[in-house]
Structure formats: structure tokens, C-alpha cells
Amino acid sequence: MSFFTRITELKDLTTNEKALADYISANPKKTLSYKPKELAAAAFVSVATVYRLINKLDLNGMGEMKLELASTLRDTESFEEIDYDYPILESDTPFQITESLGRTYQHTIDETLRFSDPDILATVSQVLLKAKTIDIYAASANLFFAQNFKFQMQEIGILVNVPEEDYIQRLSAANSTQDHAAIVVSYGGRGQTLNAVVKILYENQVPIILITSTQDNPLAKHATYKLFMASIENHYDKVSSFSTRMSLLMLFDTLYAVYFNHNYEKNIDFKLKNYQKMNKELR
């Protein structure tokens, strides 16, 4: 399991321990250079808090924590400063804007990978494979990514339900059973509709796969599984959701690719035959 996933998933943290965990996740490279006292000072906590958090990670001291952190970071060593909320400047040329967005996307991919847990992905893929119906609950612009996933799955013969309106989302949740799998996209759990939907799904004992940020989300307590988006952007003070959108697209594409891979040859054959049916010139 990724170090960042482990530290995010820790339960029953004190306020100071949570602040320290958030600091380490946001400043991994700095953390590698700190001694315990320096880390405590940087995160505005006590040295005792540092060691309590290390113990809760089931690690033996600062050195072992650094080793795990360094191991997780080995493929993402490039940490140049990027302003994810304002990656472009008023004076930027079109080429400079392209370069800035490219760096933002690359670092977002690295951030998403840092929180990726192969074991959870494998388990989630099994849940989706066994489900008779897959439902996706999202709001606002996230619905477009849900619809794209629906299109990908439909190309291999798997129908996915993406209810959009408030009433239809609640109705779909109410109709759900344990044979369903629900993917819920919620960055911070602020939407009233999704809060209501998740409670209904939980009462119906539907497996809930929550795609969320690493920040506190009230929906997490009802989730069966959690997948984490890059959580760098400000909720509202920004040019646009460049990073969050890239991270969500990557997660949906990963879910599709893992699902596809379970029946690789069958899915390729299915896609090709269907395109030949739709376009006789391909035969």
C-alpha cells in the first residue's frame, strides 16, 4: 500500500496528529530532509506527536518512515513548485500556457499515482465485474467524466447507469440492491443530493466506491472503498479545475482499463465486431 494512502487512511488521529499527517502529505520532499524536531517545528506540533504518528503507521522510528516515504516517491522525484490554482499568468504567451498546463497535468498524474493502492484497485475491479448493475453518482462537471466512462463501458457491452437529476439520482439509489455497485464522485461531500444518495445506498447495503479528495469528506464513513483524487487545488479560488479534472479522468480510465483487462481478448473481439456491424466498410 502507498505510504500516502496509509497515512490518509489512519483513523482516530488527534487534531495535532491529523495536522502532521496533512503536512507530510503536502510536503513529502521537505519531510525527507527533516529530523524529528525539525519536522515537529515545521508542522507546529510536538516531537511526541511525530513519534505517536510514526507508531500509528506501525513503523520503527523516523528513519523507517523516511525509507517508506522515499520508496513511494522514487518514481515522482520531480517536485518543482507549481501554483495549481493559478498555473497561468496574464502575461503568458499561448506556448507558455501550454507548457504550464503540461506541468500541471504531469504533476497531477504523479499525485494521483502516489495515492493509488493496487490492492484496492484489484478489489474494486472485482466488485464491478460481479455487479449486475453499475451506477455512477456525480454532480456538475463531474457528470461528463461519468458519461465518458459509461461510453467506454458500453463499447465492450457493459451498460452503466448515470442518473443526473436530483430526483432520478435518489430514485436510482432507492431501487439499488446488493447486486449493484455504486461509484460516487464527491471531492468534499458538500452536495446535499449526494449526501442523501449515499445514505440510501448505505441503507440498501450497496457497495459504495467513493472517488474523493484526501481532505475530510463526511461521505467517507459510508464508503466501502475509497479512491483518491489529487487534492491540491482550492475549492473555489482558482482559474479552473485543471488538476482535479485530470485526476478524475485518470481514475475513471484506470477503472475501465482494469475492467477491460480481465477479459482482454474477448473485449477486443467484441469492440471490433460491433464496429464492423456499424460500418460495413471495416469488414
Protein backbone atom coordinates (compact mmCIF):
# COMPACT_ATOMS: atom_id res chain seq x y z
CA MET A 1 0.00 0.00 0.00
CA SER A 2 1.23 3.50 -0.85
CA PHE A 3 2.65 5.47 2.08
CA PHE A 4 0.30 8.34 1.22
CA THR A 5 -2.72 6.04 1.19
CA ARG A 6 -1.72 4.60 4.56
CA ILE A 7 -1.30 7.99 6.19
CA THR A 8 -4.57 9.25 4.71
CA GLU A 9 -6.49 6.17 5.89
CA LEU A 10 -5.31 6.41 9.53
CA LYS A 11 -8.21 6.50 11.99
CA ASP A 12 -8.65 8.11 15.40
CA LEU A 13 -5.97 10.77 14.94
CA THR A 14 -5.78 13.69 17.34
CA THR A 15 -6.04 17.20 15.90
CA ASN A 16 -2.25 17.59 16.02
CA GLU A 17 -1.62 14.15 14.52
CA LYS A 18 -4.00 14.97 11.65
CA ALA A 19 -2.20 18.30 11.09
CA LEU A 20 1.13 16.47 10.98
CA ALA A 21 -0.20 13.82 8.57
CA ASP A 22 -1.53 16.58 6.28
CA TYR A 23 1.82 18.39 6.41
CA ILE A 24 3.77 15.26 5.45
CA SER A 25 1.40 14.52 2.55
CA ALA A 26 1.69 18.10 1.28
CA ASN A 27 5.47 18.37 1.81
CA PRO A 28 6.99 14.92 1.21
CA LYS A 29 10.35 16.14 -0.09
CA LYS A 30 10.86 18.52 2.83
CA THR A 31 9.92 15.76 5.25
CA LEU A 32 12.75 13.60 3.91
CA SER A 33 15.28 16.25 4.92
CA TYR A 34 13.96 16.83 8.44
CA LYS A 35 14.99 15.43 11.79
CA PRO A 36 12.08 14.72 14.19
CA LYS A 37 12.46 18.08 15.95
CA GLU A 38 12.58 19.96 12.63
CA LEU A 39 9.50 18.14 11.32
CA ALA A 40 7.63 18.95 14.52
CA ALA A 41 8.55 22.63 14.24
CA ALA A 42 7.57 22.82 10.57
CA ALA A 43 4.17 21.26 11.26
CA PHE A 44 3.67 23.25 14.51
CA VAL A 45 3.29 20.12 16.64
CA SER A 46 5.35 18.48 19.38
CA VAL A 47 8.11 15.91 18.87
CA ALA A 48 5.94 13.48 20.84
CA THR A 49 3.23 13.92 18.17
CA VAL A 50 5.75 12.93 15.50
CA TYR A 51 6.55 9.68 17.25
CA ARG A 52 2.90 8.93 18.02
CA LEU A 53 2.05 9.25 14.32
CA ILE A 54 5.01 7.02 13.38
CA ASN A 55 3.75 4.40 15.83
CA LYS A 56 0.25 4.56 14.36
CA LEU A 57 1.84 3.86 10.97
CA ASP A 58 3.37 0.71 12.52
CA LEU A 59 6.87 1.98 11.74
CA ASN A 60 10.00 1.85 13.86
CA GLY A 61 11.25 5.40 14.05
CA MET A 62 11.82 8.36 11.77
CA GLY A 63 14.34 6.51 9.64
CA GLU A 64 11.89 3.79 8.66
CA MET A 65 9.22 6.38 7.87
CA LYS A 66 11.66 8.20 5.59
CA LEU A 67 12.51 4.94 3.82
CA GLU A 68 8.83 4.24 3.10
CA LEU A 69 8.26 7.83 2.01
CA ALA A 70 11.30 7.79 -0.27
CA SER A 71 10.19 4.47 -1.76
CA THR A 72 6.79 5.91 -2.64
CA LEU A 73 8.41 8.98 -4.15
CA ARG A 74 11.06 7.16 -6.19
CA ASP A 75 9.11 7.50 -9.46
CA THR A 76 7.94 11.04 -8.74
CA GLU A 77 11.13 12.81 -7.75
CA SER A 78 10.44 15.99 -9.72
CA PHE A 79 8.87 18.45 -7.31
CA GLU A 80 9.22 21.90 -8.87
CA GLU A 81 6.88 24.47 -7.42
CA ILE A 82 3.58 24.78 -9.29
CA ASP A 83 0.66 27.03 -8.47
CA TYR A 84 -2.19 24.64 -9.21
CA ASP A 85 -4.85 27.31 -8.64
CA TYR A 86 -3.20 29.90 -10.89
CA PRO A 87 -0.89 27.98 -13.24
CA ILE A 88 -1.14 30.68 -15.93
CA LEU A 89 -0.21 34.34 -15.77
CA GLU A 90 -1.79 37.29 -17.54
CA SER A 91 1.49 37.87 -19.39
CA ASP A 92 1.83 34.27 -20.64
CA THR A 93 2.03 33.53 -24.33
CA PRO A 94 -0.06 30.64 -25.74
CA PHE A 95 3.07 28.45 -25.73
CA GLN A 96 3.85 29.30 -22.09
CA ILE A 97 0.25 28.45 -21.16
CA THR A 98 0.62 25.09 -22.91
CA GLU A 99 3.86 24.40 -21.03
CA SER A 100 2.33 25.38 -17.67
CA LEU A 101 -0.72 23.18 -18.19
CA GLY A 102 1.55 20.31 -19.26
CA ARG A 103 3.49 20.56 -15.99
CA THR A 104 0.23 20.79 -14.03
CA TYR A 105 -1.14 17.66 -15.70
CA GLN A 106 2.09 15.70 -15.20
CA HIS A 107 2.32 16.56 -11.52
CA THR A 108 -1.36 15.77 -11.10
CA ILE A 109 -0.76 12.31 -12.56
CA ASP A 110 2.16 11.83 -10.17
CA GLU A 111 0.00 12.96 -7.24
CA THR A 112 -2.80 10.57 -8.24
CA LEU A 113 -0.32 7.69 -8.51
CA ARG A 114 1.04 8.47 -5.04
CA PHE A 115 -2.39 7.79 -3.55
CA SER A 116 -3.09 4.78 -5.73
CA ASP A 117 -3.39 1.46 -3.90
CA PRO A 118 -3.03 -1.59 -6.20
CA ASP A 119 -4.84 -3.85 -3.72
CA ILE A 120 -7.85 -1.53 -3.54
CA LEU A 121 -7.96 -1.25 -7.35
CA ALA A 122 -7.91 -5.02 -7.69
CA THR A 123 -10.72 -5.39 -5.16
CA VAL A 124 -12.81 -2.63 -6.74
CA SER A 125 -12.44 -4.22 -10.17
CA GLN A 126 -13.81 -7.49 -8.77
CA VAL A 127 -16.77 -5.62 -7.29
CA LEU A 128 -17.51 -4.04 -10.67
CA LEU A 129 -17.11 -7.35 -12.51
CA LYS A 130 -19.57 -9.10 -10.18
CA ALA A 131 -22.14 -6.31 -10.18
CA LYS A 132 -25.27 -6.81 -12.29
CA THR A 133 -25.67 -3.04 -12.48
CA ILE A 134 -23.09 -0.26 -12.17
CA ASP A 135 -24.40 3.17 -11.16
CA ILE A 136 -22.41 6.38 -11.07
CA TYR A 137 -23.49 9.34 -8.94
CA ALA A 138 -21.85 12.68 -9.61
CA ALA A 139 -22.71 16.34 -9.93
CA SER A 140 -21.86 19.35 -12.05
CA ALA A 141 -18.93 18.91 -14.48
CA ASN A 142 -18.08 15.52 -12.97
CA LEU A 143 -21.10 14.11 -14.79
CA PHE A 144 -19.23 14.50 -18.10
CA PHE A 145 -16.48 12.19 -16.85
CA ALA A 146 -19.07 9.72 -15.63
CA GLN A 147 -20.71 9.79 -19.07
CA ASN A 148 -17.36 9.19 -20.75
CA PHE A 149 -16.81 6.11 -18.53
CA LYS A 150 -20.34 4.97 -19.44
CA PHE A 151 -19.43 5.29 -23.15
CA GLN A 152 -16.19 3.31 -22.68
CA MET A 153 -18.02 0.51 -20.90
CA GLN A 154 -20.81 0.44 -23.47
CA GLU A 155 -18.22 -0.16 -26.19
CA ILE A 156 -17.49 -3.52 -24.55
CA GLY A 157 -21.15 -4.33 -23.95
CA ILE A 158 -21.46 -3.23 -20.32
CA LEU A 159 -24.32 -0.85 -19.59
CA VAL A 160 -23.66 1.75 -16.90
CA ASN A 161 -26.34 3.91 -15.34
CA VAL A 162 -25.57 7.63 -14.83
CA PRO A 163 -28.63 9.36 -13.33
CA GLU A 164 -28.33 13.14 -13.47
CA GLU A 165 -31.35 14.91 -11.95
CA ASP A 166 -31.79 15.10 -8.18
CA TYR A 167 -34.99 13.01 -8.08
CA ILE A 168 -33.68 10.40 -10.52
CA GLN A 169 -30.47 10.00 -8.52
CA ARG A 170 -32.46 9.41 -5.33
CA LEU A 171 -34.84 7.05 -7.13
CA SER A 172 -31.95 5.09 -8.63
CA ALA A 173 -30.36 4.76 -5.19
CA ALA A 174 -33.65 3.65 -3.65
CA ASN A 175 -34.04 0.98 -6.36
CA SER A 176 -30.49 -0.32 -5.84
CA THR A 177 -29.77 -3.68 -4.23
CA GLN A 178 -26.66 -5.59 -3.18
CA ASP A 179 -26.34 -6.71 -6.82
CA HIS A 180 -25.49 -3.11 -7.74
CA ALA A 181 -22.14 -1.32 -7.45
CA ALA A 182 -22.23 2.43 -6.91
CA ILE A 183 -19.42 4.79 -7.88
CA VAL A 184 -19.85 8.13 -6.12
CA VAL A 185 -17.75 11.14 -7.14
CA SER A 186 -17.50 13.77 -4.42
CA TYR A 187 -14.45 15.93 -3.76
CA GLY A 188 -15.52 17.14 -0.32
CA GLY A 189 -19.03 15.84 0.37
CA ARG A 190 -20.70 19.25 0.17
CA GLY A 191 -23.61 18.39 -2.15
CA GLN A 192 -26.97 17.75 -0.48
CA THR A 193 -28.14 15.33 -3.17
CA LEU A 194 -25.07 13.09 -2.98
CA ASN A 195 -25.28 13.08 0.81
CA ALA A 196 -28.85 11.82 0.58
CA VAL A 197 -27.97 9.31 -2.16
CA VAL A 198 -25.07 7.81 -0.20
CA LYS A 199 -27.23 7.33 2.90
CA ILE A 200 -29.85 5.49 0.81
CA LEU A 201 -27.19 3.31 -0.82
CA TYR A 202 -25.68 2.51 2.57
CA GLU A 203 -29.07 1.51 3.98
CA ASN A 204 -29.62 -0.75 0.94
CA GLN A 205 -26.20 -2.37 1.58
CA VAL A 206 -24.92 -1.39 -1.86
CA PRO A 207 -21.11 -1.48 -2.25
CA ILE A 208 -20.04 2.18 -2.48
CA ILE A 209 -16.84 3.15 -4.30
CA LEU A 210 -16.14 6.75 -3.31
CA ILE A 211 -13.85 8.83 -5.52
CA THR A 212 -12.84 11.70 -3.26
CA SER A 213 -10.08 14.04 -2.16
CA THR A 214 -7.72 13.32 0.71
CA GLN A 215 -9.47 16.03 2.72
CA ASP A 216 -12.18 15.21 5.24
CA ASN A 217 -15.33 14.02 3.48
CA PRO A 218 -18.45 13.13 5.54
CA LEU A 219 -19.41 10.56 2.89
CA ALA A 220 -16.28 8.51 3.62
CA LYS A 221 -17.85 6.90 6.69
CA HIS A 222 -20.39 5.14 4.44
CA ALA A 223 -17.95 4.19 1.67
CA THR A 224 -16.96 0.56 1.19
CA TYR A 225 -13.88 1.53 -0.82
CA LYS A 226 -12.14 4.85 -1.43
CA LEU A 227 -10.11 6.07 -4.41
CA PHE A 228 -8.29 9.36 -4.03
CA MET A 229 -8.03 12.23 -6.50
CA ALA A 230 -5.15 14.70 -6.45
CA SER A 231 -6.14 17.16 -3.75
CA ILE A 232 -4.06 20.22 -4.47
CA GLU A 233 -6.49 22.81 -5.80
CA ASN A 234 -8.51 25.31 -3.84
CA HIS A 235 -12.25 24.61 -3.95
CA TYR A 236 -13.17 27.98 -5.48
CA ASP A 237 -10.16 30.36 -5.63
CA LYS A 238 -8.64 29.24 -8.93
CA VAL A 239 -8.65 29.73 -12.70
CA SER A 240 -10.26 26.34 -13.31
CA SER A 241 -10.23 22.73 -12.07
CA PHE A 242 -7.32 21.72 -14.32
CA SER A 243 -5.76 19.32 -11.81
CA THR A 244 -8.93 17.80 -10.36
CA ARG A 245 -10.37 17.06 -13.81
CA MET A 246 -7.16 15.36 -14.95
CA SER A 247 -7.05 13.26 -11.78
CA LEU A 248 -10.70 12.19 -12.10
CA LEU A 249 -10.23 11.27 -15.76
CA MET A 250 -7.19 9.19 -14.84
CA LEU A 251 -9.13 7.31 -12.15
CA PHE A 252 -12.08 6.56 -14.43
CA ASP A 253 -9.73 5.48 -17.24
CA THR A 254 -7.88 3.22 -14.79
CA LEU A 255 -11.12 1.59 -13.64
CA TYR A 256 -12.10 0.99 -17.26
CA ALA A 257 -8.66 -0.37 -18.23
CA VAL A 258 -8.53 -2.75 -15.24
CA TYR A 259 -12.06 -3.96 -16.01
CA PHE A 260 -11.17 -4.38 -19.70
CA ASN A 261 -8.02 -6.33 -18.84
CA HIS A 262 -9.94 -9.11 -17.06
CA ASN A 263 -11.32 -10.28 -20.43
CA TYR A 264 -8.80 -8.66 -22.76
CA GLU A 265 -9.16 -10.73 -25.93
CA LYS A 266 -12.92 -11.06 -25.53
CA ASN A 267 -13.33 -7.29 -25.18
CA ILE A 268 -11.12 -6.51 -28.16
CA ASP A 269 -13.05 -9.01 -30.27
CA PHE A 270 -16.38 -7.56 -29.08
CA LYS A 271 -15.36 -3.98 -29.97
CA LEU A 272 -14.06 -4.90 -33.42
CA LYS A 273 -17.14 -6.96 -34.34
CA ASN A 274 -19.50 -4.23 -33.20
CA TYR A 275 -17.68 -1.55 -35.21
CA GLN A 276 -17.86 -3.83 -38.25
CA LYS A 277 -21.61 -4.14 -37.71
CA MET A 278 -21.93 -0.36 -37.60
CA ASN A 279 -19.60 0.24 -40.54
CA LYS A 280 -19.72 -2.41 -43.26
CA GLU A 281 -16.61 -0.94 -44.92
CA LEU A 282 -14.48 -2.21 -42.00
CA ARG A 283 -15.11 -5.84 -42.97
